Amino acid sequence: MKIVIILILIVIVLSLGSALYYLVTDREKSAKTVKALTWRIGLSIGLFFLLLLAFGSGVIKPHSFGGGLRPAATKAAPAP
């Protein structure tokens, strides 16, 4: 699943790069830039829903932001 997510992210970045290229080089004011940006938006929305589906089905499990570090367990005080 990680590979699929990374591949989609790469395609999104490539689409953004092609939109920038068409924006700079295309002097005819064609719709190439708009099409590339539309693809980027569609892929981003699709990736978002794919992540929601993966979280919902349990394929991807969230973890803490602490890099896996957990606070030290506190020992309970003995009962008097």
Protein backbone atom coordinates (compact mmCIF):
# COMPACT_ATOMS: atom_id res chain seq x y z
CA MET A 1 0.00 0.00 0.00
CA LYS A 2 2.90 2.35 0.75
CA ILE A 3 4.23 1.88 -2.77
CA VAL A 4 0.86 2.80 -4.30
CA ILE A 5 0.68 5.96 -2.18
CA ILE A 6 4.22 6.96 -3.09
CA LEU A 7 3.57 6.35 -6.80
CA ILE A 8 0.43 8.51 -6.69
CA LEU A 9 2.37 11.27 -4.93
CA ILE A 10 5.07 11.11 -7.62
CA VAL A 11 2.45 11.37 -10.37
CA ILE A 12 0.90 14.37 -8.58
CA VAL A 13 4.28 16.13 -8.46
CA LEU A 14 4.95 15.29 -12.12
CA SER A 15 1.56 16.71 -13.07
CA LEU A 16 2.35 19.90 -11.16
CA GLY A 17 5.71 20.10 -12.92
CA SER A 18 4.14 19.67 -16.34
CA ALA A 19 1.62 22.40 -15.52
CA LEU A 20 4.51 24.72 -14.63
CA TYR A 21 6.30 23.79 -17.84
CA TYR A 22 3.22 24.53 -19.97
CA LEU A 23 2.62 27.76 -18.08
CA VAL A 24 6.12 29.00 -18.86
CA THR A 25 6.61 27.72 -22.42
CA ASP A 26 3.13 27.66 -23.97
CA ARG A 27 2.62 30.99 -25.75
CA GLU A 28 -0.58 29.97 -27.53
CA LYS A 29 -2.68 30.13 -24.33
CA SER A 30 -3.91 26.58 -24.79
CA ALA A 31 -5.65 24.58 -22.08
CA LYS A 32 -2.65 22.33 -21.35
CA THR A 33 -1.92 24.04 -18.03
CA VAL A 34 -5.53 23.78 -16.92
CA LYS A 35 -5.69 20.11 -17.89
CA ALA A 36 -2.49 19.31 -15.96
CA LEU A 37 -3.76 21.12 -12.87
CA THR A 38 -7.14 19.39 -13.18
CA TRP A 39 -5.37 16.02 -13.23
CA ARG A 40 -3.39 17.04 -10.15
CA ILE A 41 -6.53 18.01 -8.25
CA GLY A 42 -8.30 14.80 -9.27
CA LEU A 43 -5.36 12.66 -8.22
CA SER A 44 -5.08 14.49 -4.89
CA ILE A 45 -8.76 13.97 -4.12
CA GLY A 46 -8.50 10.33 -5.19
CA LEU A 47 -5.48 9.83 -2.91
CA PHE A 48 -7.36 11.42 -0.02
CA PHE A 49 -10.30 9.04 -0.44
CA LEU A 50 -7.91 6.09 -0.88
CA LEU A 51 -6.27 6.97 2.44
CA LEU A 52 -9.67 7.28 4.13
CA LEU A 53 -10.67 3.88 2.76
CA ALA A 54 -7.38 2.33 3.87
CA PHE A 55 -7.75 3.73 7.39
CA GLY A 56 -11.37 2.62 7.57
CA SER A 57 -10.66 -0.91 6.42
CA GLY A 58 -7.61 -1.29 8.67
CA VAL A 59 -5.03 -1.62 5.90
CA ILE A 60 -3.19 1.42 7.27
CA LYS A 61 -2.92 1.88 11.01
CA PRO A 62 -2.19 5.32 12.43
CA HIS A 63 0.65 5.76 14.87
CA SER A 64 1.83 8.49 17.21
CA PHE A 65 3.85 11.46 16.03
CA GLY A 66 6.53 10.76 18.61
CA GLY A 67 8.45 8.43 16.32
CA GLY A 68 7.28 5.39 18.23
CA LEU A 69 8.51 6.68 21.58
CA ARG A 70 6.10 6.10 24.40
CA PRO A 71 6.13 7.77 27.79
CA ALA A 72 7.57 5.71 30.58
CA ALA A 73 5.01 3.60 32.38
CA THR A 74 4.29 4.83 35.87
CA LYS A 75 4.09 2.32 38.65
CA ALA A 76 1.04 2.42 40.83
CA ALA A 77 1.64 3.22 44.46
CA PRO A 78 1.10 0.24 46.77
CA ALA A 79 -2.15 0.19 48.64
CA PRO A 80 -1.87 1.08 52.34
